[in-house]
Amino acid sequence: MALQLEHNEKKFGIGDVIRVHQKIQESEEKSRTQIFEGTVLGIKGSGSRKTFTVRRIGAQKVGIEQIFPVNSPYIEKIEVVREGLKGVHHAKIYYIRNKSTREIEKIYSRTKTKDIVTPSKKKTATRKKSSKSVKNK
């Protein structure tokens, strides 16, 4: 049950939106790089058999999932487009398959609320007390 993964010193986790640059061999002389961008749904396996599942919404609102082995020689690089790990509550977020885009955005809004430090709330509470004492005088 891994929440984070590392590929070529690049860390990413469940809920992150990533771009996977995959080398595709078309013929003996020709090869090209194909980019698959989507949300990481889960990480499975251990050791050299680790895999991660990426899901994106394709043409005509059809969901496309692809499973990538971490140690594959065909993966050139992985870029993290958007972080969502802080907002995820489960190790596998397969429940996203049945959610709308609006509901999925709640994951990313949770990451913003966890970044806010709680001492700011204490400052507003002290201001309210001081304003009441001024009104009473």
N, C-alpha and C. Protein backbone atom coordinates (compact mmCIF):
# COMPACT_ATOMS: atom_id res chain seq x y z
N MET A 1 0.84 -1.18 0.00
CA MET A 1 0.00 0.00 0.00
C MET A 1 0.89 1.25 0.00
N ALA A 2 1.39 1.58 -1.16
CA ALA A 2 2.27 2.74 -1.29
C ALA A 2 1.46 3.95 -1.73
N LEU A 3 1.79 5.09 -1.15
CA LEU A 3 1.15 6.33 -1.53
C LEU A 3 2.03 7.17 -2.44
N GLN A 4 3.35 6.92 -2.39
CA GLN A 4 4.29 7.66 -3.21
C GLN A 4 5.18 6.71 -3.97
N LEU A 5 5.74 7.21 -5.06
CA LEU A 5 6.58 6.40 -5.92
C LEU A 5 7.67 7.30 -6.47
N GLU A 6 8.80 6.71 -6.80
CA GLU A 6 9.91 7.48 -7.33
C GLU A 6 10.38 6.85 -8.63
N HIS A 7 10.55 7.69 -9.65
CA HIS A 7 11.06 7.24 -10.94
C HIS A 7 12.11 8.25 -11.40
N ASN A 8 13.35 7.79 -11.50
CA ASN A 8 14.48 8.65 -11.89
C ASN A 8 14.53 9.91 -11.02
N GLU A 9 14.46 9.74 -9.72
CA GLU A 9 14.53 10.80 -8.71
C GLU A 9 13.40 11.81 -8.81
N LYS A 10 12.31 11.44 -9.46
CA LYS A 10 11.12 12.29 -9.53
C LYS A 10 10.02 11.61 -8.72
N LYS A 11 9.56 12.26 -7.64
CA LYS A 11 8.54 11.67 -6.78
C LYS A 11 7.15 12.11 -7.23
N PHE A 12 6.22 11.17 -7.19
CA PHE A 12 4.82 11.46 -7.45
C PHE A 12 4.00 10.50 -6.61
N GLY A 13 2.73 10.83 -6.43
CA GLY A 13 1.88 10.01 -5.58
C GLY A 13 0.48 9.88 -6.13
N ILE A 14 -0.33 9.20 -5.36
CA ILE A 14 -1.72 8.96 -5.75
C ILE A 14 -2.48 10.28 -5.71
N GLY A 15 -3.27 10.52 -6.74
CA GLY A 15 -4.02 11.76 -6.84
C GLY A 15 -3.31 12.82 -7.65
N ASP A 16 -2.02 12.67 -7.91
CA ASP A 16 -1.27 13.63 -8.71
C ASP A 16 -1.66 13.49 -10.18
N VAL A 17 -1.65 14.60 -10.87
CA VAL A 17 -1.81 14.59 -12.33
C VAL A 17 -0.40 14.60 -12.91
N ILE A 18 -0.09 13.57 -13.70
CA ILE A 18 1.26 13.43 -14.23
C ILE A 18 1.23 13.27 -15.75
N ARG A 19 2.39 13.55 -16.37
CA ARG A 19 2.61 13.29 -17.79
C ARG A 19 3.67 12.21 -17.90
N VAL A 20 3.32 11.10 -18.53
CA VAL A 20 4.26 9.99 -18.73
C VAL A 20 4.73 10.04 -20.18
N HIS A 21 6.04 10.23 -20.38
CA HIS A 21 6.63 10.24 -21.71
C HIS A 21 7.08 8.82 -22.01
N GLN A 22 6.41 8.20 -22.97
CA GLN A 22 6.64 6.80 -23.28
C GLN A 22 7.23 6.68 -24.69
N LYS A 23 8.33 5.92 -24.81
CA LYS A 23 8.96 5.72 -26.11
C LYS A 23 8.26 4.57 -26.81
N ILE A 24 7.84 4.80 -28.05
CA ILE A 24 7.15 3.79 -28.83
C ILE A 24 7.97 3.50 -30.08
N GLN A 25 8.30 2.22 -30.28
CA GLN A 25 9.09 1.78 -31.42
C GLN A 25 8.13 1.41 -32.54
N GLU A 26 8.10 2.21 -33.61
CA GLU A 26 7.19 1.95 -34.72
C GLU A 26 7.76 0.94 -35.70
N SER A 27 9.01 1.10 -36.04
CA SER A 27 9.69 0.14 -36.90
C SER A 27 11.13 0.04 -36.41
N GLU A 28 11.97 -0.63 -37.18
CA GLU A 28 13.37 -0.79 -36.73
C GLU A 28 14.09 0.55 -36.67
N GLU A 29 13.78 1.46 -37.59
CA GLU A 29 14.47 2.75 -37.61
C GLU A 29 13.70 3.84 -36.88
N LYS A 30 12.39 3.74 -36.85
CA LYS A 30 11.57 4.82 -36.32
C LYS A 30 11.13 4.56 -34.88
N SER A 31 11.25 5.61 -34.07
CA SER A 31 10.67 5.58 -32.73
C SER A 31 10.19 6.99 -32.42
N ARG A 32 9.17 7.08 -31.58
CA ARG A 32 8.63 8.37 -31.22
C ARG A 32 8.26 8.37 -29.74
N THR A 33 8.03 9.55 -29.21
CA THR A 33 7.63 9.69 -27.82
C THR A 33 6.15 10.06 -27.77
N GLN A 34 5.40 9.29 -26.99
CA GLN A 34 3.98 9.55 -26.81
C GLN A 34 3.76 9.99 -25.36
N ILE A 35 2.96 11.02 -25.17
CA ILE A 35 2.69 11.54 -23.83
C ILE A 35 1.30 11.12 -23.40
N PHE A 36 1.22 10.56 -22.19
CA PHE A 36 -0.06 10.15 -21.61
C PHE A 36 -0.22 10.95 -20.32
N GLU A 37 -1.19 11.86 -20.29
CA GLU A 37 -1.40 12.71 -19.12
C GLU A 37 -2.69 12.32 -18.42
N GLY A 38 -2.61 12.11 -17.11
CA GLY A 38 -3.79 11.75 -16.35
C GLY A 38 -3.52 11.70 -14.85
N THR A 39 -4.51 11.26 -14.11
CA THR A 39 -4.45 11.17 -12.66
C THR A 39 -3.99 9.79 -12.24
N VAL A 40 -3.09 9.73 -11.26
CA VAL A 40 -2.61 8.45 -10.73
C VAL A 40 -3.69 7.90 -9.81
N LEU A 41 -4.22 6.71 -10.14
CA LEU A 41 -5.29 6.10 -9.35
C LEU A 41 -4.76 5.17 -8.28
N GLY A 42 -3.67 4.47 -8.56
CA GLY A 42 -3.17 3.51 -7.60
C GLY A 42 -1.76 3.06 -7.92
N ILE A 43 -1.10 2.54 -6.90
CA ILE A 43 0.23 1.97 -7.03
C ILE A 43 0.16 0.57 -6.48
N LYS A 44 0.63 -0.41 -7.25
CA LYS A 44 0.58 -1.81 -6.84
C LYS A 44 1.96 -2.44 -6.91
N GLY A 45 2.10 -3.57 -6.25
CA GLY A 45 3.31 -4.37 -6.36
C GLY A 45 4.38 -3.96 -5.37
N SER A 46 5.49 -4.70 -5.43
CA SER A 46 6.62 -4.39 -4.56
C SER A 46 7.90 -4.69 -5.31
N GLY A 47 8.95 -4.01 -4.92
CA GLY A 47 10.25 -4.24 -5.53
C GLY A 47 10.28 -3.84 -6.99
N SER A 48 10.78 -4.74 -7.82
CA SER A 48 10.92 -4.43 -9.25
C SER A 48 9.61 -4.63 -10.01
N ARG A 49 8.57 -5.15 -9.35
CA ARG A 49 7.29 -5.39 -10.01
C ARG A 49 6.27 -4.30 -9.75
N LYS A 50 6.70 -3.13 -9.28
CA LYS A 50 5.76 -2.05 -9.00
C LYS A 50 5.17 -1.48 -10.28
N THR A 51 3.87 -1.22 -10.22
CA THR A 51 3.17 -0.60 -11.34
C THR A 51 2.28 0.53 -10.80
N PHE A 52 1.95 1.46 -11.68
CA PHE A 52 1.02 2.52 -11.30
C PHE A 52 0.01 2.70 -12.42
N THR A 53 -1.21 3.03 -12.03
CA THR A 53 -2.32 3.18 -12.96
C THR A 53 -2.61 4.66 -13.16
N VAL A 54 -2.71 5.08 -14.42
CA VAL A 54 -3.00 6.46 -14.76
C VAL A 54 -4.30 6.50 -15.57
N ARG A 55 -5.17 7.42 -15.22
CA ARG A 55 -6.47 7.55 -15.91
C ARG A 55 -6.63 8.95 -16.45
N ARG A 56 -7.10 9.03 -17.69
CA ARG A 56 -7.43 10.32 -18.29
C ARG A 56 -8.77 10.19 -19.00
N ILE A 57 -9.36 11.33 -19.29
CA ILE A 57 -10.62 11.36 -20.02
C ILE A 57 -10.29 11.66 -21.48
N GLY A 58 -10.65 10.75 -22.36
CA GLY A 58 -10.34 10.88 -23.78
C GLY A 58 -11.45 11.56 -24.55
N ALA A 59 -11.44 11.32 -25.86
CA ALA A 59 -12.45 11.90 -26.73
C ALA A 59 -13.82 11.33 -26.40
N GLN A 60 -14.83 12.15 -26.56
CA GLN A 60 -16.22 11.79 -26.30
C GLN A 60 -16.46 11.36 -24.85
N LYS A 61 -15.69 11.94 -23.92
CA LYS A 61 -15.86 11.73 -22.47
C LYS A 61 -15.70 10.26 -22.06
N VAL A 62 -14.80 9.54 -22.72
CA VAL A 62 -14.55 8.14 -22.40
C VAL A 62 -13.29 8.07 -21.54
N GLY A 63 -13.36 7.36 -20.42
CA GLY A 63 -12.21 7.21 -19.55
C GLY A 63 -11.22 6.19 -20.10
N ILE A 64 -9.93 6.56 -20.10
CA ILE A 64 -8.87 5.67 -20.58
C ILE A 64 -7.89 5.46 -19.45
N GLU A 65 -7.64 4.20 -19.12
CA GLU A 65 -6.67 3.87 -18.07
C GLU A 65 -5.52 3.09 -18.68
N GLN A 66 -4.33 3.38 -18.16
CA GLN A 66 -3.16 2.65 -18.63
C GLN A 66 -2.30 2.31 -17.42
N ILE A 67 -1.78 1.10 -17.41
CA ILE A 67 -0.93 0.63 -16.32
C ILE A 67 0.51 0.65 -16.79
N PHE A 68 1.37 1.33 -16.04
CA PHE A 68 2.78 1.45 -16.40
C PHE A 68 3.64 0.74 -15.36
N PRO A 69 4.59 -0.11 -15.77
CA PRO A 69 5.57 -0.64 -14.84
C PRO A 69 6.61 0.44 -14.54
N VAL A 70 7.02 0.55 -13.29
CA VAL A 70 7.94 1.61 -12.90
C VAL A 70 9.31 1.41 -13.56
N ASN A 71 9.79 0.18 -13.62
CA ASN A 71 11.12 -0.09 -14.14
C ASN A 71 11.14 -0.35 -15.64
N SER A 72 10.15 0.10 -16.36
CA SER A 72 10.09 -0.12 -17.80
C SER A 72 11.14 0.73 -18.52
N PRO A 73 11.87 0.14 -19.46
CA PRO A 73 12.85 0.94 -20.22
C PRO A 73 12.18 1.88 -21.21
N TYR A 74 10.88 1.71 -21.46
CA TYR A 74 10.17 2.56 -22.42
C TYR A 74 9.69 3.87 -21.82
N ILE A 75 9.69 4.01 -20.51
CA ILE A 75 9.30 5.26 -19.88
C ILE A 75 10.53 6.16 -19.85
N GLU A 76 10.47 7.27 -20.59
CA GLU A 76 11.60 8.18 -20.66
C GLU A 76 11.64 9.10 -19.45
N LYS A 77 10.50 9.74 -19.15
CA LYS A 77 10.44 10.62 -17.99
C LYS A 77 9.00 10.80 -17.55
N ILE A 78 8.86 11.28 -16.33
CA ILE A 78 7.55 11.55 -15.74
C ILE A 78 7.57 12.97 -15.20
N GLU A 79 6.57 13.76 -15.56
CA GLU A 79 6.43 15.12 -15.06
C GLU A 79 5.19 15.22 -14.17
N VAL A 80 5.31 15.91 -13.04
CA VAL A 80 4.15 16.14 -12.18
C VAL A 80 3.54 17.47 -12.59
N VAL A 81 2.29 17.44 -13.07
CA VAL A 81 1.60 18.63 -13.53
C VAL A 81 0.88 19.31 -12.36
N ARG A 82 0.22 18.49 -11.52
CA ARG A 82 -0.58 19.01 -10.41
C ARG A 82 -0.52 18.03 -9.26
N GLU A 83 -0.26 18.52 -8.06
CA GLU A 83 -0.18 17.65 -6.90
C GLU A 83 -1.54 17.48 -6.25
N GLY A 84 -1.86 16.25 -5.87
CA GLY A 84 -3.13 15.98 -5.23
C GLY A 84 -3.00 15.02 -4.08
N LEU A 85 -1.78 14.63 -3.75
CA LEU A 85 -1.55 13.61 -2.73
C LEU A 85 -2.04 14.03 -1.36
N LYS A 86 -1.93 15.30 -1.01
CA LYS A 86 -2.35 15.75 0.31
C LYS A 86 -3.86 15.67 0.50
N GLY A 87 -4.61 15.71 -0.58
CA GLY A 87 -6.06 15.67 -0.49
C GLY A 87 -6.65 14.29 -0.57
N VAL A 88 -5.82 13.26 -0.78
CA VAL A 88 -6.30 11.89 -0.95
C VAL A 88 -6.41 11.21 0.40
N HIS A 89 -7.51 10.49 0.62
CA HIS A 89 -7.73 9.79 1.88
C HIS A 89 -7.54 8.29 1.77
N HIS A 90 -7.42 7.74 0.56
CA HIS A 90 -7.31 6.30 0.36
C HIS A 90 -6.07 5.97 -0.44
N ALA A 91 -5.60 4.72 -0.32
CA ALA A 91 -4.42 4.27 -1.05
C ALA A 91 -4.73 4.06 -2.53
N LYS A 92 -5.93 3.64 -2.84
CA LYS A 92 -6.36 3.46 -4.23
C LYS A 92 -7.61 4.32 -4.42
N ILE A 93 -7.61 5.18 -5.40
CA ILE A 93 -8.75 6.07 -5.58
C ILE A 93 -9.55 5.67 -6.82
N TYR A 94 -9.91 4.39 -6.88
CA TYR A 94 -10.71 3.89 -7.99
C TYR A 94 -12.12 4.48 -7.99
N TYR A 95 -12.54 5.06 -6.87
CA TYR A 95 -13.87 5.65 -6.79
C TYR A 95 -13.99 6.86 -7.72
N ILE A 96 -12.89 7.38 -8.20
CA ILE A 96 -12.91 8.53 -9.12
C ILE A 96 -13.60 8.15 -10.43
N ARG A 97 -13.58 6.89 -10.78
CA ARG A 97 -14.19 6.44 -12.04
C ARG A 97 -15.66 6.82 -12.14
N ASN A 98 -16.34 6.86 -11.01
CA ASN A 98 -17.79 7.13 -10.99
C ASN A 98 -18.11 8.58 -10.65
N LYS A 99 -17.10 9.42 -10.49
CA LYS A 99 -17.32 10.80 -10.08
C LYS A 99 -17.29 11.74 -11.29
N SER A 100 -17.95 12.87 -11.12
CA SER A 100 -17.90 13.91 -12.16
C SER A 100 -16.64 14.75 -11.94
N THR A 101 -16.33 15.57 -12.91
CA THR A 101 -15.15 16.42 -12.82
C THR A 101 -15.26 17.38 -11.65
N ARG A 102 -16.44 17.84 -11.41
CA ARG A 102 -16.67 18.77 -10.31
C ARG A 102 -16.37 18.12 -8.95
N GLU A 103 -16.77 16.86 -8.81
CA GLU A 103 -16.52 16.16 -7.56
C GLU A 103 -15.05 15.80 -7.39
N ILE A 104 -14.36 15.55 -8.50
CA ILE A 104 -12.94 15.25 -8.44
C ILE A 104 -12.14 16.48 -8.00
N GLU A 105 -12.62 17.66 -8.35
CA GLU A 105 -11.93 18.89 -7.96
C GLU A 105 -11.87 19.08 -6.45
N LYS A 106 -12.74 18.41 -5.70
CA LYS A 106 -12.71 18.49 -4.24
C LYS A 106 -11.39 17.95 -3.69
N ILE A 107 -10.81 16.97 -4.36
CA ILE A 107 -9.52 16.42 -3.93
C ILE A 107 -8.47 17.52 -3.95
N TYR A 108 -8.44 18.30 -5.02
CA TYR A 108 -7.44 19.33 -5.15
C TYR A 108 -7.74 20.53 -4.26
N SER A 109 -9.01 20.77 -3.94
CA SER A 109 -9.34 21.85 -3.02
C SER A 109 -8.93 21.48 -1.59
N ARG A 110 -8.93 20.17 -1.28
CA ARG A 110 -8.48 19.73 0.05
C ARG A 110 -7.00 19.98 0.24
N THR A 111 -6.22 19.92 -0.83
CA THR A 111 -4.78 20.15 -0.69
C THR A 111 -4.52 21.59 -0.30
N LYS A 112 -5.33 22.51 -0.78
CA LYS A 112 -5.16 23.92 -0.44
C LYS A 112 -5.50 24.18 1.01
N THR A 113 -6.56 23.53 1.53
CA THR A 113 -6.96 23.77 2.91
C THR A 113 -5.97 23.17 3.89
N LYS A 114 -5.28 22.10 3.52
CA LYS A 114 -4.30 21.51 4.42
C LYS A 114 -3.02 22.32 4.48
N ASP A 115 -2.77 23.16 3.47
CA ASP A 115 -1.58 23.99 3.47
C ASP A 115 -1.72 25.19 4.39
N ILE A 116 -2.95 25.58 4.71
CA ILE A 116 -3.17 26.75 5.57
C ILE A 116 -2.78 26.40 7.01
N VAL A 117 -2.03 27.28 7.62
CA VAL A 117 -1.55 27.05 8.99
C VAL A 117 -2.62 27.52 9.96
N THR A 118 -2.83 26.79 11.05
CA THR A 118 -3.88 27.12 12.01
C THR A 118 -3.62 28.36 12.84
N PRO A 119 -2.37 28.83 13.08
CA PRO A 119 -2.22 30.05 13.88
C PRO A 119 -2.94 31.27 13.33
N SER A 120 -3.23 31.32 12.06
CA SER A 120 -3.96 32.46 11.50
C SER A 120 -5.37 32.56 12.10
N LYS A 121 -5.95 31.42 12.46
CA LYS A 121 -7.27 31.42 13.08
C LYS A 121 -7.20 32.03 14.48
N LYS A 122 -6.10 31.78 15.18
CA LYS A 122 -5.94 32.34 16.52
C LYS A 122 -5.86 33.85 16.48
N LYS A 123 -5.22 34.40 15.45
CA LYS A 123 -5.10 35.84 15.33
C LYS A 123 -6.46 36.49 15.15
N THR A 124 -7.33 35.90 14.36
CA THR A 124 -8.65 36.48 14.16
C THR A 124 -9.47 36.42 15.45
N ALA A 125 -9.26 35.39 16.26
CA ALA A 125 -10.00 35.26 17.51
C ALA A 125 -9.57 36.36 18.48
N THR A 126 -8.28 36.69 18.51
CA THR A 126 -7.83 37.74 19.42
C THR A 126 -8.31 39.10 18.96
N ARG A 127 -8.43 39.31 17.69
CA ARG A 127 -8.93 40.58 17.17
C ARG A 127 -10.38 40.79 17.58
N LYS A 128 -11.18 39.73 17.53
CA LYS A 128 -12.58 39.86 17.91
C LYS A 128 -12.73 40.24 19.38
N LYS A 129 -11.88 39.66 20.23
CA LYS A 129 -11.95 39.99 21.66
C LYS A 129 -11.60 41.45 21.88
N SER A 130 -10.57 41.91 21.18
CA SER A 130 -10.16 43.29 21.39
C SER A 130 -11.22 44.26 20.85
N SER A 131 -11.91 43.92 19.78
CA SER A 131 -12.94 44.80 19.26
C SER A 131 -14.14 44.85 20.20
N LYS A 132 -14.46 43.77 20.88
CA LYS A 132 -15.55 43.76 21.85
C LYS A 132 -15.21 44.64 23.05
N SER A 133 -13.96 44.56 23.49
CA SER A 133 -13.59 45.37 24.65
C SER A 133 -13.62 46.85 24.31
N VAL A 134 -13.36 47.22 23.09
CA VAL A 134 -13.44 48.62 22.69
C VAL A 134 -14.89 49.08 22.67
N LYS A 135 -15.80 48.22 22.21
CA LYS A 135 -17.22 48.57 22.16
C LYS A 135 -17.82 48.73 23.54
N ASN A 136 -17.35 47.93 24.50
CA ASN A 136 -17.88 48.01 25.86
C ASN A 136 -17.45 49.29 26.54
N LYS A 137 -16.32 49.84 26.21
CA LYS A 137 -15.82 51.06 26.86
C LYS A 137 -16.50 52.24 26.25
